[in-house]
Amino acid sequence: MQKKHGSEKLWGGRFAEATAGSVEAFTASIHYDSRLYKYDIAGSKAHAAMLAAQGLLTAEELASINGGLSAIEGEIDQGTFAFKRELEDIHMNIEKALVERIGPAGARLHSARSRNDQIALDLRLYLRDQCDVMVRLLDQVRRAFVVLARRYLGNVMPGYTHLQRAQPVLISHHMLAYFEMFGRDRERFSDCKRRMNLSPLGAAAMAGTGLPIDRAQVAKSLGFAGVTANSMDTCGDRDFAIEFVSCCTMTHLHLSRLSEELVLWSSQEFSFVDIADTFCTGSSIMPQKKNPDIPELIRGKSGRVVGSLMALITLMKGLPLTYNRDLQEDKEPVFDAVDTVSASLAIMAELLGNLSFNTERMQEATRTGYITATDLADYLVLKNVPFREAHGIVGRAVAFGIAKGCELEQLGLAELQSFSPVIEKDVYQVLTVEGSINSRVSAGGTGILRVREALDLAEQQIGMGK
């Protein structure tokens, strides 16, 4: 079989021999970077308009280029475009098809740009959109927490430290904790978008271009806030991708923590929540089982996202300026992180919308475990007992209760006074779960008034205010 001459590649003028088939297979990225086609075409149209404005393309050539690119985009949309592995990537596939369709005008399109700044553009455009997608999905999850917080306002549950019952809290307070957590994730994506929203096009291969171009025109037409400042940094930079996947990792870390609680709470040992049957599966051998597969899978998928971040960091750590072919390896971790986090957020929002709490069981769980011990210590502090002394007094009272097999509020007044003479009859008001919760009036606390305020504010933030 006759070998193809190297010059048949769009970059092949310097080569006398055709690229080995094994090399083409090893270096091709079209099987995954084809998803960037809309961004590549949008960037090419903006670049062509700028070239025409600078007199580097005629009006007829610009019209021909735009028509050809639109036709190619339509074919890709419909799944009829034939991607070719030997053309390596999305840029070369589109450019080659354009040249074949419209001739010399298509060959002029690549003036004053390189695949180095072209891929930086495509990836920034793609991730800029994905930041918006993540914000929308996070808002859905946060809205689900607000709905749950409103629905169960007033219901109590044990709060935990070290996975041991610690203090009573409102279920709504717990739900709003996740509202805040995912709110920080939302802010991170918004901030990430702001930082990446600079156009790299015009950096060319790494040193800029000697052709008369207007980078600002391209940036404005593509909705960028400005242009990158240094051509060498631009072509070798993937900080924006690392930052984006870092935001994904934080988000999925929070999803994993939530999933862990859902797995625990849905167990018979807790029985705090009921996950709808539509989000669970059974066992192939144990007919009684109802397994919380969705939270378990989300928890497991966090490893993929962390792995994507580690892959990008490892990829970049040893690269000299500027572009190196290693950077081809940036896209698969990015795409996998996008797919994993977006799918996990979407299914979690749906699951939360069908979640119900076993309020009786949760309230029952607050009745044991000496969960109001800290309230007794606070009571003693208000009686002018130093906190460290109060802590010791309550600790001894708890030990006495354990030995007797009863909770603090079940001890008689004389028994409590044996630990401190300042204790009076009013102590029983603070030893109840309701009294404990209502006493937590500090900003951000679980007191009902504070939780109502926080819930009202959350509803305003999410667009659910009255």
Protein backbone atom coordinates (compact mmCIF):
# COMPACT_ATOMS: atom_id res chain seq x y z
CA MET A 1 0.00 0.00 0.00
CA GLN A 2 1.38 3.41 -0.97
CA LYS A 3 2.19 5.59 2.00
CA LYS A 4 0.62 8.99 2.33
CA HIS A 5 3.09 11.83 2.04
CA GLY A 6 3.52 13.81 5.21
CA SER A 7 2.49 16.99 3.43
CA GLU A 8 -1.11 15.72 3.26
CA LYS A 9 -1.37 16.73 6.91
CA LEU A 10 -2.31 20.38 7.36
CA TRP A 11 0.99 20.77 9.21
CA GLY A 12 2.92 18.29 7.06
CA GLY A 13 4.97 20.50 4.76
CA ARG A 14 8.21 19.86 6.65
CA PHE A 15 7.81 16.06 6.66
CA ALA A 16 8.93 13.62 3.98
CA GLU A 17 7.23 10.53 5.37
CA ALA A 18 3.69 9.80 6.43
CA THR A 19 2.83 9.52 10.10
CA ALA A 20 2.83 5.93 11.31
CA GLY A 21 -0.62 4.52 11.89
CA SER A 22 0.32 3.62 15.46
CA VAL A 23 1.34 7.23 16.10
CA GLU A 24 -1.94 8.52 14.66
CA ALA A 25 -3.85 6.20 16.97
CA PHE A 26 -1.76 7.15 20.00
CA THR A 27 -1.89 10.91 19.48
CA ALA A 28 -5.48 11.33 18.30
CA SER A 29 -7.84 13.21 20.61
CA ILE A 30 -10.87 13.55 18.32
CA HIS A 31 -12.70 10.76 20.13
CA TYR A 32 -13.10 13.01 23.15
CA ASP A 33 -12.41 16.61 22.12
CA SER A 34 -15.16 16.47 19.47
CA ARG A 35 -17.52 17.67 22.21
CA LEU A 36 -15.85 21.08 21.87
CA TYR A 37 -17.07 21.56 18.31
CA LYS A 38 -19.56 24.35 19.01
CA TYR A 39 -16.92 26.35 20.83
CA ASP A 40 -14.33 25.73 18.13
CA ILE A 41 -16.74 26.94 15.46
CA ALA A 42 -17.85 29.96 17.50
CA GLY A 43 -14.19 30.90 18.01
CA SER A 44 -13.45 30.48 14.32
CA LYS A 45 -16.35 32.71 13.32
CA ALA A 46 -15.24 35.42 15.74
CA HIS A 47 -11.66 35.13 14.48
CA ALA A 48 -12.78 35.31 10.86
CA ALA A 49 -14.86 38.43 11.53
CA MET A 50 -11.81 40.06 13.09
CA LEU A 51 -9.58 39.07 10.16
CA ALA A 52 -12.09 40.61 7.77
CA ALA A 53 -12.25 43.80 9.82
CA GLN A 54 -8.45 43.97 9.64
CA GLY A 55 -8.42 43.49 5.87
CA LEU A 56 -6.98 39.97 6.05
CA LEU A 57 -10.17 38.45 4.59
CA THR A 58 -12.55 39.83 2.01
CA ALA A 59 -16.25 40.14 2.69
CA GLU A 60 -16.87 37.30 0.24
CA GLU A 61 -14.33 35.07 1.98
CA LEU A 62 -15.88 35.84 5.37
CA ALA A 63 -19.34 34.94 4.10
CA SER A 64 -18.00 31.72 2.60
CA ILE A 65 -16.23 30.79 5.84
CA ASN A 66 -19.30 31.48 7.96
CA GLY A 67 -21.51 29.49 5.64
CA GLY A 68 -19.12 26.56 5.59
CA LEU A 69 -18.71 26.54 9.37
CA SER A 70 -22.48 26.69 9.89
CA ALA A 71 -22.98 23.77 7.53
CA ILE A 72 -20.33 21.73 9.36
CA GLU A 73 -21.92 22.56 12.70
CA GLY A 74 -25.30 21.45 11.43
CA GLU A 75 -23.90 18.12 10.28
CA ILE A 76 -22.21 17.53 13.62
CA ASP A 77 -25.46 18.41 15.39
CA GLN A 78 -27.26 15.81 13.28
CA GLY A 79 -24.54 13.18 13.69
CA THR A 80 -23.75 13.00 9.97
CA PHE A 81 -20.30 14.58 10.05
CA ALA A 82 -17.48 12.07 9.51
CA PHE A 83 -14.69 12.70 12.02
CA LYS A 84 -11.31 11.36 10.90
CA ARG A 85 -8.81 10.03 13.39
CA GLU A 86 -5.87 10.86 11.15
CA LEU A 87 -6.76 14.54 11.48
CA GLU A 88 -6.02 14.23 15.19
CA ASP A 89 -8.35 16.72 16.86
CA ILE A 90 -11.47 18.83 16.56
CA HIS A 91 -9.58 21.82 15.15
CA MET A 92 -8.01 19.96 12.25
CA ASN A 93 -11.17 18.02 11.46
CA ILE A 94 -13.19 21.20 11.11
CA GLU A 95 -10.51 23.13 9.27
CA LYS A 96 -9.85 20.31 6.78
CA ALA A 97 -13.58 19.94 6.10
CA LEU A 98 -13.90 23.70 5.62
CA VAL A 99 -11.03 23.85 3.13
CA GLU A 100 -12.47 20.93 1.18
CA ARG A 101 -15.84 22.70 0.98
CA ILE A 102 -14.94 26.29 0.25
CA GLY A 103 -11.36 26.13 -1.01
CA PRO A 104 -8.66 28.81 -0.44
CA ALA A 105 -10.85 30.97 1.77
CA GLY A 106 -10.90 28.17 4.32
CA ALA A 107 -7.10 27.98 4.24
CA ARG A 108 -6.91 31.67 5.20
CA LEU A 109 -8.87 31.17 8.40
CA HIS A 110 -5.89 29.99 10.43
CA SER A 111 -3.97 33.22 9.88
CA ALA A 112 -2.72 34.75 13.15
CA ARG A 113 -3.69 31.83 15.33
CA SER A 114 -2.34 28.45 16.40
CA ARG A 115 -3.90 25.31 17.74
CA ASN A 116 -2.19 26.32 20.98
CA ASP A 117 -4.32 29.40 21.56
CA GLN A 118 -7.27 27.83 19.76
CA ILE A 119 -7.60 24.97 22.25
CA ALA A 120 -7.12 27.38 25.13
CA LEU A 121 -10.04 29.35 23.73
CA ASP A 122 -12.27 26.32 23.22
CA LEU A 123 -11.62 25.03 26.71
CA ARG A 124 -12.25 28.40 28.34
CA LEU A 125 -15.52 28.82 26.43
CA TYR A 126 -16.60 25.32 27.38
CA LEU A 127 -15.74 25.67 31.07
CA ARG A 128 -17.29 29.12 31.23
CA ASP A 129 -20.58 27.53 30.20
CA GLN A 130 -20.06 24.63 32.59
CA CYS A 131 -19.65 27.07 35.48
CA ASP A 132 -23.15 28.31 34.70
CA VAL A 133 -24.44 24.74 34.50
CA MET A 134 -22.95 23.91 37.89
CA VAL A 135 -24.47 27.04 39.44
CA ARG A 136 -27.92 26.07 38.12
CA LEU A 137 -27.59 22.51 39.43
CA LEU A 138 -26.35 23.72 42.80
CA ASP A 139 -29.35 26.03 43.02
CA GLN A 140 -31.62 23.01 42.48
CA VAL A 141 -29.94 21.14 45.32
CA ARG A 142 -30.05 24.18 47.60
CA ARG A 143 -33.71 24.73 46.79
CA ALA A 144 -34.43 21.13 47.82
CA PHE A 145 -32.81 21.77 51.21
CA VAL A 146 -34.87 24.92 51.69
CA VAL A 147 -38.07 23.00 50.92
CA LEU A 148 -37.13 20.33 53.47
CA ALA A 149 -36.18 22.96 56.05
CA ARG A 150 -39.57 24.67 55.68
CA ARG A 151 -41.48 21.39 55.73
CA TYR A 152 -39.84 20.14 58.93
CA LEU A 153 -39.49 23.45 60.74
CA GLY A 154 -39.92 22.80 64.47
CA ASN A 155 -38.98 19.10 64.35
CA VAL A 156 -35.92 18.05 66.34
CA MET A 157 -33.08 15.59 65.89
CA PRO A 158 -29.79 14.81 67.59
CA GLY A 159 -26.76 16.71 66.38
CA TYR A 160 -23.54 14.71 66.34
CA THR A 161 -19.85 15.13 66.96
CA HIS A 162 -17.57 12.11 66.50
CA LEU A 163 -20.79 10.37 65.35
CA GLN A 164 -21.92 10.47 68.99
CA ARG A 165 -25.07 12.27 70.08
CA ALA A 166 -23.97 15.73 71.12
CA GLN A 167 -26.77 18.32 71.33
CA PRO A 168 -30.32 18.57 70.04
CA VAL A 169 -30.89 20.63 66.90
CA LEU A 170 -33.75 21.39 64.57
CA ILE A 171 -33.92 19.26 61.42
CA SER A 172 -34.25 22.55 59.54
CA HIS A 173 -30.96 23.73 61.02
CA HIS A 174 -29.26 20.62 59.71
CA MET A 175 -30.75 21.10 56.25
CA LEU A 176 -29.65 24.73 56.16
CA ALA A 177 -26.12 23.64 57.02
CA TYR A 178 -26.02 21.93 53.63
CA PHE A 179 -27.64 24.97 52.04
CA GLU A 180 -24.65 27.01 53.24
CA MET A 181 -22.16 24.34 52.23
CA PHE A 182 -23.40 24.13 48.66
CA GLY A 183 -23.73 27.90 48.62
CA ARG A 184 -19.97 28.18 49.00
CA ASP A 185 -19.62 25.79 46.07
CA ARG A 186 -21.85 28.08 44.03
CA GLU A 187 -19.66 31.06 44.89
CA ARG A 188 -16.53 29.15 43.92
CA PHE A 189 -17.86 28.36 40.44
CA SER A 190 -18.97 31.96 39.94
CA ASP A 191 -15.56 33.20 41.01
CA CYS A 192 -13.82 30.61 38.82
CA LYS A 193 -15.82 31.83 35.83
CA ARG A 194 -14.81 35.42 36.49
CA ARG A 195 -11.12 34.52 36.54
CA MET A 196 -11.18 32.39 33.39
CA ASN A 197 -13.25 34.89 31.40
CA LEU A 198 -10.34 36.31 29.38
CA SER A 199 -9.76 35.55 25.72
CA PRO A 200 -6.52 33.72 24.87
CA LEU A 201 -6.93 34.02 21.10
CA GLY A 202 -4.11 36.05 19.58
CA ALA A 203 -1.37 34.49 21.66
CA ALA A 204 -0.85 32.27 18.60
CA ALA A 205 1.79 29.56 19.07
CA MET A 206 3.37 31.25 22.10
CA ALA A 207 4.82 34.63 21.10
CA GLY A 208 1.84 36.48 19.64
CA THR A 209 1.61 37.34 15.94
CA GLY A 210 3.11 39.86 13.55
CA LEU A 211 -0.16 40.14 11.63
CA PRO A 212 -2.45 43.08 12.37
CA ILE A 213 -5.16 41.66 14.63
CA ASP A 214 -7.63 43.05 17.15
CA ARG A 215 -7.76 40.73 20.16
CA ALA A 216 -10.24 42.97 21.91
CA GLN A 217 -12.76 42.59 19.07
CA VAL A 218 -12.63 38.82 19.30
CA ALA A 219 -12.90 38.94 23.10
CA LYS A 220 -15.93 41.21 22.99
CA SER A 221 -17.74 39.17 20.34
CA LEU A 222 -17.29 36.01 22.42
CA GLY A 223 -18.42 37.65 25.66
CA PHE A 224 -15.05 37.78 27.38
CA ALA A 225 -14.25 40.52 29.87
CA GLY A 226 -10.87 41.15 28.24
CA VAL A 227 -7.78 39.43 26.88
CA THR A 228 -4.97 37.52 28.56
CA ALA A 229 -1.86 39.58 29.25
CA ASN A 230 1.07 37.36 28.29
CA SER A 231 1.22 35.11 25.23
CA MET A 232 3.64 32.61 26.79
CA ASP A 233 1.57 32.22 29.94
CA THR A 234 -1.59 31.96 27.84
CA CYS A 235 -0.42 29.00 25.76
CA GLY A 236 1.01 27.08 28.70
CA ASP A 237 -1.74 27.90 31.21
CA ARG A 238 -4.27 25.41 32.51
CA ASP A 239 -4.78 27.01 35.91
CA PHE A 240 -8.36 27.75 34.93
CA ALA A 241 -9.02 24.07 34.26
CA ILE A 242 -7.38 23.00 37.51
CA GLU A 243 -9.40 25.60 39.40
CA PHE A 244 -12.62 24.42 37.78
CA VAL A 245 -11.96 20.78 38.66
CA SER A 246 -10.96 21.88 42.14
CA CYS A 247 -14.41 23.48 42.45
CA CYS A 248 -15.90 20.21 41.19
CA THR A 249 -13.92 18.30 43.79
CA MET A 250 -15.15 20.48 46.65
CA THR A 251 -18.72 20.10 45.42
CA HIS A 252 -18.46 16.34 45.17
CA LEU A 253 -16.77 16.18 48.55
CA HIS A 254 -19.90 17.84 49.96
CA LEU A 255 -22.13 15.47 48.00
CA SER A 256 -20.17 12.58 49.45
CA ARG A 257 -20.60 13.85 53.02
CA LEU A 258 -24.32 14.25 52.44
CA SER A 259 -24.50 10.79 50.91
CA GLU A 260 -22.77 9.29 53.92
CA GLU A 261 -25.41 10.78 56.21
CA LEU A 262 -28.22 9.53 53.99
CA VAL A 263 -26.74 6.04 54.02
CA LEU A 264 -26.47 6.13 57.81
CA TRP A 265 -29.86 7.73 58.37
CA SER A 266 -31.65 5.23 56.13
CA SER A 267 -30.22 2.25 58.02
CA GLN A 268 -32.39 0.40 60.53
CA GLU A 269 -29.98 1.45 63.26
CA PHE A 270 -30.92 5.10 62.65
CA SER A 271 -34.22 4.97 60.73
CA PHE A 272 -34.20 8.75 60.44
CA VAL A 273 -35.12 9.01 56.75
CA ASP A 274 -36.99 7.14 54.10
CA ILE A 275 -35.47 7.30 50.64
CA ALA A 276 -38.17 6.76 48.02
CA ASP A 277 -38.27 3.29 46.45
CA THR A 278 -37.58 4.82 43.05
CA PHE A 279 -34.07 5.75 44.25
CA CYS A 280 -33.22 2.38 45.82
CA THR A 281 -32.60 -1.18 44.68
CA GLY A 282 -33.01 -4.61 46.20
CA SER A 283 -30.78 -7.59 46.74
CA SER A 284 -30.48 -10.51 44.35
CA ILE A 285 -30.54 -12.93 47.28
CA MET A 286 -32.06 -11.10 50.29
CA PRO A 287 -35.70 -10.20 49.54
CA GLN A 288 -36.04 -7.83 52.50
CA LYS A 289 -33.29 -5.43 51.42
CA LYS A 290 -33.80 -1.82 50.31
CA ASN A 291 -30.39 -0.46 49.44
CA PRO A 292 -29.55 3.28 49.21
CA ASP A 293 -27.69 2.85 45.94
CA ILE A 294 -27.83 6.48 44.76
CA PRO A 295 -26.09 7.94 47.83
CA GLU A 296 -23.62 5.06 47.78
CA LEU A 297 -22.78 5.64 44.12
CA ILE A 298 -22.42 9.38 44.61
CA ARG A 299 -20.14 8.71 47.56
CA GLY A 300 -18.10 6.33 45.43
CA LYS A 301 -17.90 8.66 42.44
CA SER A 302 -16.13 11.25 44.54
CA GLY A 303 -12.98 9.21 43.91
CA ARG A 304 -13.28 9.88 40.19
CA VAL A 305 -13.46 13.63 40.71
CA VAL A 306 -10.56 13.69 43.15
CA GLY A 307 -8.66 11.56 40.63
CA SER A 308 -9.37 14.06 37.86
CA LEU A 309 -7.95 16.87 39.98
CA MET A 310 -4.87 14.84 40.84
CA ALA A 311 -4.39 13.98 37.15
CA LEU A 312 -4.42 17.65 36.15
CA ILE A 313 -2.10 18.72 38.95
CA THR A 314 0.34 15.93 38.13
CA LEU A 315 0.10 16.74 34.43
CA MET A 316 1.10 20.37 34.97
CA LYS A 317 3.67 20.11 37.72
CA GLY A 318 6.69 19.49 35.50
CA LEU A 319 5.85 21.40 32.31
CA PRO A 320 8.15 24.17 31.14
CA LEU A 321 6.68 27.13 29.29
CA THR A 322 4.93 27.15 26.95
CA TYR A 323 2.75 24.60 25.13
CA ASN A 324 3.69 20.92 25.42
CA ARG A 325 1.81 18.00 23.92
CA ASP A 326 1.23 16.74 27.45
CA LEU A 327 -1.56 19.32 27.60
CA GLN A 328 -3.65 17.11 25.33
CA GLU A 329 -4.22 15.05 28.48
CA ASP A 330 -6.07 17.88 30.20
CA LYS A 331 -9.44 17.37 28.57
CA GLU A 332 -10.46 13.87 29.62
CA PRO A 333 -10.13 14.62 33.36
CA VAL A 334 -12.06 17.86 32.84
CA PHE A 335 -14.82 16.15 30.88
CA ASP A 336 -15.09 13.32 33.39
CA ALA A 337 -15.33 15.76 36.28
CA VAL A 338 -18.04 17.73 34.46
CA ASP A 339 -20.05 14.61 33.66
CA THR A 340 -19.71 13.09 37.12
CA VAL A 341 -20.51 16.18 39.17
CA SER A 342 -23.37 17.39 36.98
CA ALA A 343 -25.01 13.95 37.02
CA SER A 344 -24.54 13.61 40.78
CA LEU A 345 -26.01 17.04 41.51
CA ALA A 346 -29.01 16.41 39.28
CA ILE A 347 -29.87 13.04 40.81
CA MET A 348 -29.28 14.31 44.35
CA ALA A 349 -31.70 17.21 43.81
CA GLU A 350 -34.28 14.70 42.60
CA LEU A 351 -33.67 12.35 45.53
CA LEU A 352 -33.98 15.16 48.08
CA GLY A 353 -37.27 16.16 46.53
CA ASN A 354 -38.62 12.71 47.40
CA LEU A 355 -37.03 12.37 50.84
CA SER A 356 -39.07 12.07 54.04
CA PHE A 357 -37.94 12.22 57.67
CA ASN A 358 -39.11 9.93 60.45
CA THR A 359 -39.69 12.79 62.88
CA GLU A 360 -40.95 10.59 65.73
CA ARG A 361 -37.85 8.43 65.58
CA MET A 362 -35.58 11.48 65.39
CA GLN A 363 -37.25 13.11 68.37
CA GLU A 364 -37.03 9.87 70.29
CA ALA A 365 -33.28 9.79 69.61
CA THR A 366 -32.91 13.13 71.40
CA ARG A 367 -34.31 11.68 74.62
CA THR A 368 -31.22 9.62 75.42
CA GLY A 369 -27.47 10.17 75.47
CA TYR A 370 -27.41 13.03 78.02
CA ILE A 371 -27.87 15.37 75.10
CA THR A 372 -28.66 18.41 77.28
CA ALA A 373 -25.52 18.12 79.42
CA THR A 374 -24.03 21.26 77.90
CA ASP A 375 -27.20 23.14 78.78
CA LEU A 376 -26.72 22.17 82.42
CA ALA A 377 -23.16 23.49 82.26
CA ASP A 378 -24.43 26.76 80.77
CA TYR A 379 -27.03 26.94 83.55
CA LEU A 380 -24.27 26.69 86.15
CA VAL A 381 -22.22 29.38 84.37
CA LEU A 382 -25.24 31.71 84.65
CA LYS A 383 -25.14 30.93 88.39
CA ASN A 384 -21.55 32.28 88.49
CA VAL A 385 -19.88 28.88 88.42
CA PRO A 386 -16.66 28.99 86.30
CA PHE A 387 -17.18 26.96 83.12
CA ARG A 388 -14.36 24.48 83.79
CA GLU A 389 -15.79 23.82 87.25
CA ALA A 390 -19.28 23.53 85.75
CA HIS A 391 -17.96 21.07 83.16
CA GLY A 392 -16.64 18.82 85.94
CA ILE A 393 -19.87 19.05 87.90
CA VAL A 394 -21.95 18.00 84.92
CA GLY A 395 -19.52 15.23 84.05
CA ARG A 396 -19.96 13.75 87.53
CA ALA A 397 -23.73 14.12 87.25
CA VAL A 398 -23.68 12.26 83.93
CA ALA A 399 -21.59 9.47 85.42
CA PHE A 400 -24.10 9.21 88.26
CA GLY A 401 -26.96 9.04 85.74
CA ILE A 402 -25.22 6.32 83.76
CA ALA A 403 -24.75 4.27 86.91
CA LYS A 404 -28.38 4.78 87.90
CA GLY A 405 -29.65 4.17 84.35
CA CYS A 406 -31.49 7.46 83.89
CA GLU A 407 -31.13 10.75 81.99
CA LEU A 408 -30.26 14.05 83.64
CA GLU A 409 -33.81 15.36 83.60
CA GLN A 410 -34.89 12.18 85.41
CA LEU A 411 -32.66 12.89 88.39
CA GLY A 412 -34.35 14.39 91.43
CA LEU A 413 -33.58 17.92 92.55
CA ALA A 414 -31.79 16.70 95.65
CA GLU A 415 -29.63 14.42 93.53
CA LEU A 416 -28.67 17.30 91.22
CA GLN A 417 -28.02 19.59 94.17
CA SER A 418 -25.61 17.02 95.57
CA PHE A 419 -23.30 17.99 92.73
CA SER A 420 -23.82 21.76 93.13
CA PRO A 421 -25.88 23.65 95.70
CA VAL A 422 -26.63 26.47 93.22
CA ILE A 423 -28.98 24.22 91.24
CA GLU A 424 -32.63 25.11 91.76
CA LYS A 425 -36.02 23.93 90.47
CA ASP A 426 -35.71 26.02 87.32
CA VAL A 427 -32.97 23.66 86.13
CA TYR A 428 -35.56 21.35 84.60
CA GLN A 429 -36.52 24.04 82.09
CA VAL A 430 -33.06 23.79 80.49
CA LEU A 431 -32.81 20.02 80.68
CA THR A 432 -35.59 19.46 78.15
CA VAL A 433 -34.81 19.15 74.46
CA GLU A 434 -37.18 21.99 73.65
CA GLY A 435 -35.60 24.21 76.28
CA SER A 436 -32.14 23.39 74.97
CA ILE A 437 -33.03 24.28 71.39
CA ASN A 438 -34.87 27.46 72.29
CA SER A 439 -31.91 28.65 74.35
CA ARG A 440 -29.59 28.62 71.33
CA VAL A 441 -30.26 32.22 70.39
CA SER A 442 -26.76 33.14 69.21
CA ALA A 443 -26.42 34.14 65.55
CA GLY A 444 -26.22 31.00 63.42
CA GLY A 445 -27.57 28.81 66.22
CA THR A 446 -30.35 26.23 66.21
CA GLY A 447 -32.87 28.27 68.20
CA ILE A 448 -36.22 28.42 66.44
CA LEU A 449 -36.12 32.20 66.01
CA ARG A 450 -32.65 32.07 64.45
CA VAL A 451 -33.60 29.19 62.18
CA ARG A 452 -36.72 31.04 61.03
CA GLU A 453 -34.56 34.04 60.16
CA ALA A 454 -32.04 31.86 58.32
CA LEU A 455 -34.79 30.06 56.44
CA ASP A 456 -36.44 33.31 55.37
CA LEU A 457 -33.09 34.58 54.11
CA ALA A 458 -32.37 31.30 52.31
CA GLU A 459 -35.72 31.46 50.53
CA GLN A 460 -34.94 35.00 49.39
CA GLN A 461 -31.51 33.95 48.12
CA ILE A 462 -32.94 31.07 46.13
CA GLY A 463 -35.86 33.07 44.75
CA MET A 464 -38.53 31.45 46.91
CA GLY A 465 -39.27 34.43 49.17
CA LYS A 466 -42.83 35.51 49.89
